[in-house]
Protein backbone atom coordinates (compact mmCIF):
# COMPACT_ATOMS: atom_id res chain seq x y z
CA MET A 1 0.02 -0.04 0.15
CA ALA A 2 1.27 3.42 -0.80
CA ASP A 3 1.29 6.67 1.47
CA ALA A 4 -1.23 8.88 -0.33
CA SER A 5 0.47 11.71 1.87
CA SER A 6 3.63 11.53 -0.39
CA PRO A 7 3.01 12.69 -3.78
CA GLY A 8 6.28 10.60 -5.47
CA SER A 9 5.59 12.33 -8.74
CA THR A 10 6.36 15.72 -7.58
CA ASN A 11 9.93 16.49 -5.91
CA HIS A 12 9.42 15.37 -2.52
CA VAL A 13 12.37 14.17 -0.03
CA VAL A 14 12.02 11.52 2.52
CA VAL A 15 14.37 11.74 5.36
CA VAL A 16 15.11 8.58 7.68
CA GLY A 17 15.88 9.44 10.88
CA ALA A 18 15.13 12.46 13.06
CA GLY A 19 18.57 12.97 14.83
CA PRO A 20 21.03 16.46 14.23
CA ALA A 21 21.92 15.40 10.66
CA GLY A 22 18.09 14.49 9.51
CA LEU A 23 16.23 17.20 11.31
CA SER A 24 18.73 19.73 9.87
CA ALA A 25 18.26 18.34 6.58
CA ALA A 26 14.72 18.64 6.91
CA TYR A 27 14.58 22.22 8.41
CA GLU A 28 16.74 23.27 5.80
CA LEU A 29 14.79 22.01 3.06
CA THR A 30 11.50 23.96 4.39
CA ARG A 31 13.68 27.26 4.29
CA HIS A 32 13.55 26.33 0.36
CA ALA A 33 10.05 25.54 0.43
CA THR A 34 10.54 21.78 -0.68
CA PRO A 35 8.02 19.27 0.57
CA VAL A 36 9.76 16.61 3.15
CA THR A 37 8.79 13.62 5.17
CA VAL A 38 10.90 12.46 8.36
CA VAL A 39 10.27 8.83 9.47
CA GLU A 40 11.92 7.97 12.78
CA LYS A 41 11.38 4.73 14.52
CA ASP A 42 11.32 5.94 17.94
CA PRO A 43 7.85 6.01 18.84
CA VAL A 44 8.62 8.91 21.57
CA LYS A 45 11.58 11.01 20.99
CA VAL A 46 13.54 12.84 18.32
CA GLY A 47 16.92 13.80 18.71
CA GLY A 48 19.02 10.49 18.23
CA ILE A 49 21.93 10.07 20.21
CA ALA A 50 21.42 13.80 21.07
CA ARG A 51 18.35 13.50 22.75
CA THR A 52 16.90 14.36 26.39
CA LEU A 53 15.42 11.57 28.78
CA GLU A 54 13.46 12.72 31.68
CA PHE A 55 13.08 10.97 34.58
CA MET A 56 12.12 11.59 38.34
CA GLY A 57 12.25 15.36 37.73
CA CYS A 58 15.95 15.01 36.26
CA ARG A 59 16.98 15.52 32.63
CA PHE A 60 19.82 13.26 31.31
CA ASP A 61 21.33 13.43 27.76
CA VAL A 62 22.40 10.12 26.14
CA GLY A 63 26.14 10.95 27.18
CA PRO A 64 27.34 14.72 27.44
CA HIS A 65 26.63 17.08 24.35
CA ARG A 66 28.35 20.53 24.13
CA PHE A 67 27.27 23.31 21.47
CA PHE A 68 30.44 24.42 20.17
CA SER A 69 30.85 24.81 16.46
CA LYS A 70 33.95 26.65 14.20
CA SER A 71 31.34 27.27 11.80
CA GLY A 72 29.60 30.58 11.99
CA GLU A 73 27.10 29.19 10.09
CA ILE A 74 26.12 26.49 12.63
CA GLU A 75 26.20 28.80 15.72
CA ALA A 76 23.91 31.04 14.31
CA LEU A 77 21.37 28.28 13.59
CA TRP A 78 21.34 27.32 17.30
CA THR A 79 20.78 30.74 18.13
CA GLU A 80 17.77 30.93 15.53
CA ILE A 81 16.46 27.61 16.75
CA LEU A 82 16.56 28.44 20.48
CA GLY A 83 17.82 32.08 20.89
CA ASP A 84 18.08 32.82 25.02
CA GLN A 85 17.26 29.39 25.51
CA ILE A 86 20.72 28.31 24.46
CA GLN A 87 23.49 29.47 27.13
CA PRO A 88 26.92 30.02 27.70
CA VAL A 89 28.65 27.35 30.07
CA SER A 90 32.35 27.47 31.22
CA ARG A 91 33.63 24.08 30.44
CA LEU A 92 35.27 22.21 33.75
CA THR A 93 36.13 18.56 32.81
CA ARG A 94 38.70 16.37 34.70
CA ILE A 95 40.19 13.05 34.85
CA LEU A 96 39.57 10.65 38.03
CA TYR A 97 42.07 8.61 38.88
CA ARG A 98 42.64 6.69 42.14
CA GLY A 99 40.17 9.12 43.95
CA LYS A 100 42.29 12.21 43.03
CA PHE A 101 40.90 14.87 40.12
CA PHE A 102 43.43 15.65 37.49
CA ASP A 103 43.28 18.39 35.25
CA TYR A 104 42.13 17.68 31.41
CA PRO A 105 43.88 18.61 29.11
CA ILE A 106 46.73 17.11 31.26
CA ARG A 107 48.73 19.75 33.31
CA ALA A 108 52.32 18.63 34.68
CA SER A 109 52.24 20.39 38.04
CA ASN A 110 48.91 19.65 38.87
CA ALA A 111 49.20 15.40 37.90
CA PHE A 112 52.67 15.19 39.76
CA TRP A 113 51.45 17.01 42.59
CA ASN A 114 48.33 14.66 42.68
CA LEU A 115 50.59 11.52 42.00
CA GLY A 116 52.56 12.39 44.69
CA PRO A 117 56.42 12.18 45.04
CA PHE A 118 57.05 8.58 45.12
CA GLU A 119 54.75 8.11 42.03
CA THR A 120 56.16 11.03 40.32
CA ALA A 121 59.69 9.32 40.74
CA ARG A 122 58.28 6.37 39.07
CA CYS A 123 57.17 8.22 36.23
CA LEU A 124 59.70 10.47 35.63
CA ALA A 125 62.02 7.42 35.81
CA SER A 126 59.82 5.39 33.31
CA TYR A 127 60.13 8.65 31.13
CA ALA A 128 63.87 8.74 31.44
CA GLN A 129 64.15 4.66 30.25
CA ALA A 130 61.81 5.24 27.24
CA ARG A 131 63.82 8.21 26.19
CA LEU A 132 67.04 6.04 26.61
CA HIS A 133 65.54 2.89 25.52
CA PRO A 134 62.49 3.46 23.05
CA VAL A 135 60.69 1.18 21.27
CA VAL A 136 62.50 1.44 17.72
CA GLN A 137 60.09 1.73 14.60
CA PRO A 138 56.90 1.59 17.47
CA LYS A 139 53.58 -0.05 15.40
CA SER A 140 51.03 0.03 18.37
CA PHE A 141 49.55 2.95 20.22
CA GLU A 142 50.78 1.92 23.30
CA ASP A 143 54.22 1.76 21.83
CA TRP A 144 54.05 5.15 20.70
CA VAL A 145 52.77 6.86 23.83
CA SER A 146 55.24 4.74 26.17
CA ASN A 147 57.90 6.15 23.96
CA GLN A 148 56.85 9.73 24.21
CA PHE A 149 55.54 9.82 28.13
CA GLY A 150 57.11 6.79 29.81
CA HIS A 151 55.18 3.48 30.23
CA ARG A 152 54.12 4.55 33.84
CA LEU A 153 52.43 8.06 32.20
CA PHE A 154 50.77 5.73 29.43
CA GLU A 155 49.09 3.47 32.14
CA ILE A 156 48.01 6.11 34.23
CA PHE A 157 46.49 9.05 31.61
CA PHE A 158 45.93 6.78 28.22
CA LYS A 159 45.81 2.85 28.41
CA THR A 160 42.55 2.63 30.37
CA TYR A 161 40.13 5.28 28.81
CA THR A 162 41.13 4.66 25.44
CA GLU A 163 40.36 1.14 26.10
CA LYS A 164 36.95 1.35 27.71
CA VAL A 165 36.04 3.52 24.68
CA TRP A 166 36.97 1.53 21.81
CA GLY A 167 37.01 -1.98 23.18
CA ILE A 168 40.44 -2.59 21.51
CA SER A 169 43.77 -3.23 23.32
CA THR A 170 46.18 -0.36 23.08
CA ARG A 171 48.51 -3.01 21.69
CA GLU A 172 46.52 -3.65 18.75
CA LEU A 173 45.59 0.07 17.91
CA SER A 174 47.73 1.75 15.43
CA ALA A 175 50.80 4.03 16.38
CA ASP A 176 49.73 6.62 13.34
CA TRP A 177 46.66 7.49 15.20
CA ALA A 178 48.76 8.03 18.29
CA GLY A 179 50.98 10.20 16.49
CA GLN A 180 48.11 12.05 14.84
CA ARG A 181 45.80 12.39 17.81
CA ILE A 182 48.40 13.24 20.41
CA ARG A 183 50.85 15.46 18.45
CA GLY A 184 53.08 17.99 19.29
CA LEU A 185 52.93 16.84 23.19
CA ASN A 186 56.74 16.73 24.69
CA LEU A 187 56.71 15.78 28.42
CA VAL A 188 59.91 17.82 28.82
CA GLU A 189 58.52 21.16 27.28
CA VAL A 190 55.19 20.55 29.64
CA ILE A 191 57.29 20.23 32.77
CA ARG A 192 59.15 22.96 31.68
CA ASN A 193 56.01 25.32 31.12
CA ALA A 194 54.47 24.19 34.50
CA LEU A 195 57.16 24.83 36.34
CA LEU A 196 59.16 27.73 35.19
CA PRO A 197 58.52 31.33 34.76
CA ALA A 198 57.37 32.65 31.15
CA SER A 199 60.58 34.43 30.92
CA LEU A 200 62.48 31.41 31.22
CA ARG A 201 60.39 28.99 28.99
CA GLY A 202 61.72 29.85 25.37
CA GLY A 203 60.58 28.90 22.39
CA GLY A 204 58.69 32.22 21.71
CA GLU A 205 55.16 32.21 20.70
CA HIS A 206 55.21 28.53 19.21
CA ALA A 207 55.68 27.42 22.89
CA ILE A 208 52.26 28.89 23.78
CA VAL A 209 50.05 26.27 24.54
CA LYS A 210 46.12 27.21 24.76
CA THR A 211 42.90 25.88 25.32
CA LEU A 212 40.61 26.12 22.57
CA VAL A 213 37.20 25.16 23.73
CA ASP A 214 37.34 26.73 27.58
CA THR A 215 33.26 27.54 27.07
CA PHE A 216 30.64 25.95 24.85
CA ARG A 217 26.78 26.75 24.62
CA TYR A 218 24.01 24.47 25.78
CA PRO A 219 20.02 24.22 25.88
CA ARG A 220 18.48 25.07 28.98
CA LEU A 221 16.36 21.96 28.86
CA GLY A 222 18.97 19.67 27.73
CA ALA A 223 20.57 18.66 24.09
CA GLY A 224 17.22 17.12 23.12
CA GLN A 225 15.55 20.66 23.31
CA MET A 226 17.34 21.73 20.26
CA TRP A 227 15.68 18.94 18.22
CA GLU A 228 12.33 19.19 19.84
CA THR A 229 12.01 22.60 18.90
CA VAL A 230 13.28 21.78 15.18
CA ALA A 231 10.46 19.07 15.14
CA GLY A 232 8.21 21.48 16.54
CA ARG A 233 9.04 24.02 13.58
CA LEU A 234 8.82 21.26 11.06
CA ALA A 235 5.12 20.34 12.20
CA THR A 236 4.34 24.09 11.96
CA ALA A 237 5.31 23.88 8.65
CA SER A 238 3.28 21.03 7.64
CA HIS A 239 5.82 18.59 7.79
CA PRO A 240 5.59 16.52 11.26
CA VAL A 241 7.96 14.12 12.30
CA ARG A 242 6.41 10.76 11.65
CA LEU A 243 7.25 9.24 15.10
CA GLY A 244 7.24 5.21 15.55
CA GLU A 245 7.84 4.23 11.85
CA GLU A 246 10.90 1.71 11.54
CA VAL A 247 12.22 1.73 7.93
CA ILE A 248 11.88 -2.33 7.12
CA GLY A 249 12.68 -1.73 3.16
CA VAL A 250 14.05 0.41 0.40
CA ARG A 251 12.54 -0.12 -2.77
CA HIS A 252 14.43 0.68 -5.98
CA ALA A 253 14.15 0.40 -9.75
CA GLY A 254 15.63 1.58 -12.74
CA GLY A 255 18.67 3.30 -10.79
CA ARG A 256 16.54 5.05 -8.39
CA VAL A 257 14.98 4.87 -4.95
CA LEU A 258 11.09 4.71 -5.53
CA SER A 259 10.22 4.36 -1.70
CA VAL A 260 10.78 3.26 1.92
CA VAL A 261 8.84 0.49 3.44
CA ILE A 262 7.89 1.53 7.15
CA ARG A 263 6.02 -0.63 9.93
CA ASP A 264 4.19 1.74 12.03
CA GLY A 265 3.40 0.99 15.64
CA ARG A 266 0.34 -1.14 14.78
CA GLY A 267 2.27 -3.24 12.78
CA ALA A 268 0.85 -1.87 9.81
CA THR A 269 3.26 -1.62 6.35
CA LEU A 270 3.09 0.93 3.72
CA ASP A 271 5.18 2.62 1.44
CA VAL A 272 6.41 6.27 1.76
CA LEU A 273 7.16 7.85 -1.88
CA GLY A 274 9.41 10.16 -2.83
CA SER A 275 11.80 11.58 -5.45
CA GLU A 276 14.75 12.01 -3.34
CA PHE A 277 15.97 10.03 -0.01
CA ILE A 278 18.08 11.12 2.76
CA SER A 279 19.53 8.44 5.05
CA THR A 280 20.84 8.73 8.69
CA MET A 281 20.53 4.79 9.41
CA PRO A 282 23.80 2.79 9.81
CA ILE A 283 24.90 1.89 6.68
CA ARG A 284 25.15 -1.68 7.27
CA GLU A 285 21.32 -1.46 7.77
CA LEU A 286 20.67 0.21 5.32
CA ILE A 287 22.34 -1.59 2.65
CA ALA A 288 20.47 -4.83 4.18
CA LYS A 289 17.10 -3.15 3.40
CA LEU A 290 17.53 -2.50 -0.28
CA GLN A 291 15.03 -4.23 -2.12
CA PRO A 292 16.06 -5.73 -4.36
CA ALA A 293 19.26 -6.74 -2.98
CA ALA A 294 22.78 -4.82 -3.71
CA PRO A 295 25.29 -6.99 -5.32
CA SER A 296 26.98 -9.38 -2.87
CA MET A 297 30.44 -7.44 -3.01
CA VAL A 298 28.32 -4.35 -1.68
CA ARG A 299 26.20 -6.46 1.03
CA ALA A 300 29.88 -8.07 2.37
CA ALA A 301 31.33 -4.56 2.43
CA ALA A 302 28.74 -3.04 4.19
CA GLU A 303 28.35 -6.04 6.65
CA ALA A 304 32.00 -5.55 7.58
CA LEU A 305 31.41 -2.17 8.92
CA GLY A 306 31.14 -2.45 12.66
CA TYR A 307 29.83 -0.52 15.63
CA ARG A 308 30.22 0.56 19.30
CA ASP A 309 27.41 0.69 21.49
CA PHE A 310 26.62 2.07 24.83
CA ILE A 311 24.86 2.16 27.93
CA THR A 312 23.80 5.34 30.03
CA VAL A 313 22.73 4.67 33.88
CA ASN A 314 21.33 7.56 35.01
CA LEU A 315 21.04 7.89 38.80
CA VAL A 316 19.38 10.63 40.85
CA VAL A 317 21.40 11.50 43.85
CA ASP A 318 20.20 13.07 46.69
CA ARG A 319 22.79 15.52 47.02
CA ALA A 320 22.92 19.31 45.83
CA ASP A 321 26.81 19.25 45.04
CA VAL A 322 28.47 16.25 43.86
CA PHE A 323 31.26 17.52 41.77
CA PRO A 324 31.77 20.63 39.73
CA ASP A 325 32.64 19.29 36.42
CA GLN A 326 30.12 18.95 33.54
CA TRP A 327 31.80 15.44 33.17
CA ILE A 328 34.65 13.43 34.55
CA TYR A 329 36.71 10.82 32.74
CA VAL A 330 37.32 7.74 34.80
CA HIS A 331 40.72 6.06 34.23
CA ASP A 332 40.09 3.83 37.17
CA PRO A 333 40.94 0.24 35.55
CA GLY A 334 38.97 -1.37 38.55
CA VAL A 335 35.44 0.18 37.38
CA LYS A 336 33.78 -0.37 34.15
CA VAL A 337 32.52 3.14 33.64
CA GLY A 338 34.12 5.46 31.10
CA ARG A 339 32.55 8.85 32.09
CA ILE A 340 30.20 10.31 34.11
CA ALA A 341 28.18 13.46 33.35
CA ASN A 342 26.72 15.54 36.06
CA PHE A 343 23.93 17.52 34.11
CA LYS A 344 23.16 19.76 36.60
CA ASN A 345 26.52 21.89 35.73
CA PHE A 346 25.36 21.93 32.14
CA SER A 347 22.22 23.83 33.29
CA PRO A 348 20.41 24.27 36.63
CA ALA A 349 17.03 23.58 34.90
CA MET A 350 18.25 19.59 34.35
CA VAL A 351 16.56 19.23 37.97
CA ALA A 352 13.50 20.01 39.07
CA ASP A 353 14.64 19.78 42.90
CA GLY A 354 17.94 21.60 43.40
CA GLY A 355 18.83 19.68 46.31
CA LEU A 356 19.13 16.63 43.58
CA SER A 357 21.85 15.88 41.45
CA GLY A 358 21.30 13.76 38.02
CA LEU A 359 24.29 11.66 37.17
CA GLY A 360 24.71 9.67 33.82
CA MET A 361 27.26 7.07 33.57
CA GLU A 362 28.36 5.61 30.27
CA TYR A 363 29.40 2.29 29.60
CA PHE A 364 30.91 1.53 26.03
CA CYS A 365 30.46 -1.75 25.02
CA PHE A 366 29.18 -4.20 22.03
CA GLU A 367 26.06 -5.38 21.55
CA GLN A 368 27.66 -9.31 21.92
CA ASP A 369 29.32 -8.29 25.21
CA GLY A 370 27.76 -9.52 28.83
CA ILE A 371 26.73 -6.19 30.08
CA TRP A 372 24.55 -5.46 27.25
CA SER A 373 21.91 -7.98 28.25
CA TRP A 374 22.52 -7.20 31.61
CA SER A 375 18.68 -6.42 33.40
CA ASP A 376 18.28 -2.85 34.16
CA ARG A 377 18.37 -3.51 37.85
CA GLU A 378 21.64 -5.28 37.54
CA LEU A 379 23.00 -2.44 35.58
CA LEU A 380 21.45 0.46 38.36
CA ASP A 381 23.14 -1.68 41.03
CA LEU A 382 26.25 -1.53 39.23
CA GLY A 383 26.31 2.06 38.60
CA ARG A 384 25.62 2.40 42.34
CA ARG A 385 28.46 0.28 43.27
CA GLU A 386 30.79 1.97 41.32
CA LEU A 387 29.71 5.65 42.40
CA ILE A 388 30.52 4.22 45.86
CA ALA A 389 33.80 2.43 45.24
CA LEU A 390 34.93 5.89 43.14
CA GLY A 391 34.31 7.86 46.52
CA ILE A 392 31.82 10.36 44.77
CA CYS A 393 28.50 9.86 47.02
CA ARG A 394 27.56 7.56 50.06
CA PRO A 395 24.99 4.26 49.16
CA ASP A 396 22.05 6.02 50.88
CA GLU A 397 22.39 9.00 48.75
CA VAL A 398 21.36 7.21 45.38
CA LYS A 399 17.64 7.53 45.17
CA THR A 400 16.45 5.89 42.08
CA GLY A 401 17.67 5.39 38.40
CA MET A 402 16.70 4.75 34.62
CA VAL A 403 18.95 2.68 31.98
CA TYR A 404 19.33 3.75 28.54
CA ARG A 405 20.59 1.25 25.89
CA GLN A 406 21.98 2.99 22.67
CA PRO A 407 22.99 0.39 20.05
CA LYS A 408 25.36 1.53 17.20
CA ALA A 409 26.32 4.96 19.11
CA TYR A 410 29.56 5.15 17.16
CA PRO A 411 30.94 3.34 14.13
CA VAL A 412 34.01 1.38 14.70
CA TYR A 413 36.86 3.12 12.49
CA ASP A 414 39.22 -0.30 12.40
CA GLY A 415 41.82 -0.54 9.84
CA GLU A 416 39.48 -1.86 6.96
CA TYR A 417 36.57 0.60 7.35
CA GLN A 418 37.62 2.94 4.80
CA ARG A 419 38.20 0.44 2.10
CA HIS A 420 34.70 -1.44 2.92
CA LEU A 421 33.09 2.34 2.91
CA GLU A 422 34.70 2.76 -0.32
CA VAL A 423 32.93 0.09 -2.04
CA VAL A 424 29.55 1.12 -0.61
CA ARG A 425 29.94 4.66 -1.40
CA GLU A 426 31.09 3.96 -5.20
CA TRP A 427 28.14 1.52 -5.85
CA LEU A 428 25.49 3.96 -4.40
CA THR A 429 26.62 6.83 -6.06
CA ARG A 430 26.64 5.19 -9.33
CA ALA A 431 23.77 2.99 -8.82
CA LEU A 432 21.14 4.95 -6.65
CA PRO A 433 22.19 8.64 -7.26
CA ASN A 434 19.15 9.67 -5.59
CA LEU A 435 19.83 8.19 -2.22
CA TRP A 436 21.89 10.76 0.04
CA LEU A 437 24.18 9.75 2.87
CA VAL A 438 24.36 11.97 6.04
CA GLY A 439 25.58 11.66 9.57
CA ARG A 440 27.79 10.01 11.65
CA ASN A 441 26.36 6.73 11.41
CA GLY A 442 24.57 7.56 8.02
CA MET A 443 28.10 8.27 6.53
CA HIS A 444 30.20 5.77 9.07
CA HIS A 445 32.08 9.07 9.40
CA TYR A 446 33.79 10.52 12.53
CA ASN A 447 31.45 13.45 13.22
CA ASN A 448 30.55 15.70 15.90
CA GLN A 449 27.10 17.13 15.94
CA ASP A 450 27.67 20.27 14.12
CA HIS A 451 29.51 18.12 11.46
CA SER A 452 26.49 15.95 11.16
CA MET A 453 24.32 18.96 11.02
CA MET A 454 26.35 20.49 8.23
CA THR A 455 26.33 17.14 6.01
CA GLY A 456 22.52 17.04 6.14
CA ILE A 457 22.28 21.09 5.26
CA LEU A 458 24.66 20.65 2.41
CA VAL A 459 22.78 17.77 0.80
CA ALA A 460 19.49 20.09 1.72
CA ARG A 461 20.80 22.33 -0.50
CA ASN A 462 21.70 20.30 -3.52
CA ILE A 463 18.46 18.86 -3.63
CA ALA A 464 16.64 22.17 -3.17
CA THR A 465 18.90 24.40 -5.58
CA GLY A 466 20.97 22.11 -7.65
CA ALA A 467 23.86 22.86 -5.65
CA SER A 468 26.96 20.43 -6.11
CA PHE A 469 28.53 20.27 -2.23
CA ASP A 470 30.16 17.38 -1.54
CA PRO A 471 29.19 16.35 2.07
CA TRP A 472 32.09 13.94 2.19
CA LEU A 473 34.61 17.05 2.66
CA VAL A 474 32.71 18.04 5.98
CA ASN A 475 35.26 17.38 8.73
CA THR A 476 38.32 16.59 7.06
CA ASP A 477 39.95 19.27 8.01
CA ALA A 478 38.11 20.03 11.26
CA GLU A 479 39.42 18.53 13.99
CA TYR A 480 38.26 19.88 17.21
CA LEU A 481 41.54 20.23 19.76
CA GLU A 482 41.45 19.94 23.39
CA GLU A 483 44.35 21.92 23.33
CA GLY A 484 46.44 23.16 20.34
CA ARG A 485 49.59 25.42 19.64
CA SER A 486 49.64 29.09 18.41
CA GLY A 487 49.76 28.91 14.80
CA GLU A 488 49.21 25.26 14.55
CA ALA A 489 47.23 24.00 12.03
CA ALA A 490 45.09 20.81 11.99
CA ALA A 491 46.27 18.48 9.35
CA GLY A 492 44.76 15.27 7.65
CA GLY A 493 41.74 15.68 8.91
CA ARG A 494 40.01 14.06 12.25
CA GLN A 495 41.97 11.05 12.88
CA VAL A 496 40.57 7.80 13.86
CA PRO A 497 41.96 4.67 15.34
CA GLN A 498 42.77 1.98 13.33
CA ARG A 499 44.09 -1.55 14.26
CA ILE A 500 47.71 -2.52 13.55
CA ALA A 501 47.82 -3.56 9.81
CA SER A 502 48.61 -7.32 9.55
């Protein structure tokens, strides 16, 4: 059965997914008076991974989000959408290790003070050993970082968190990624800059280290407020997001996509017709849903693309002030949690009762991992026990909580992903030119929120105006460094972790 609301014979765009990329594309299309239909499988919420959950008077993002972009156009768009509802925030994020907070980005004086004289001596001895006897031709992330900082500092500040996030041993991660991600850092220079007065440091302006993102903006009621507002504007423009409609097939013939087959909340199926289609769904899922099927080589390439999933354990804590950071990175190897966000420190309006705090604990995993199948009760108990073990709160202060599972939160960027992705891209470009890919999962691209938005906006302009923007160039030269050197340009684009080539 065809959806009569989608004309098909006229210029009509169907957007799959109501996350930042899909909603930005739809919003841009309405600016050009181009009819658009957005289908979203979630029955309740828009925003994708940028949604905001509500529970017991507290609001939780699906992991912390900050609104900061090097693109003036994106910053202006956020202001246009929310006005004074998006507010400036002074950033504070630190590392928690062995019960102590370390500055992030790392400062030598703070780090060595927290580590104490014995551990500092071990770190310096380890560093000296690495300089005297470095690993020749380092191949792994572990070898490269140990050469630069010594193995002891590597274990404290690099190993645990990296392995929690990516699920790959640092002995398997490529040294190339380490060199690109941590470029320009030199322990001797860091110590000198931390301990000596400016007049004795030397090096001129190129030795100046500056933090690039000390402040960011944030919607008063959470990241999801941005996307709920956009969805509201689409509804006002007679293009409401169709919630609870899951795409189960993508029909094509004669070199063009003709419709997406959706299943609604009642189990009914129908075709949504269109002339152009924008997909934000994971590439692996998109290719699997093509009717007729893509060539076997394309299906195999798409199936080889991997994804990292994660779980947020969101806890309501009976304490007004837990820690002052927006989020902390947890480097302790004795706990599973990788990052903890304190949403009250993004905006006081994230808690209805000022005497409470809402903490979001992130657990990175794969769907096949045991933790993914744990019950909510088991996960809530894990979160409570780990907060206590980390010394963040007392057992009686954890009042209640809720669990949210986010499948395919991050594409996996292994050593082969680019080759597989190119196979898919080349075939889609040639075989189905009216099917556009946008967003992090839609492109299997290492995007921040603003990058995802821009890919959607550029594709919308291509469709509405006949422009020829290349969305795949977004973010190729826009790594958002936590710290950088004056006059230093980002080279080679935002880098991704890769396994050592066999």
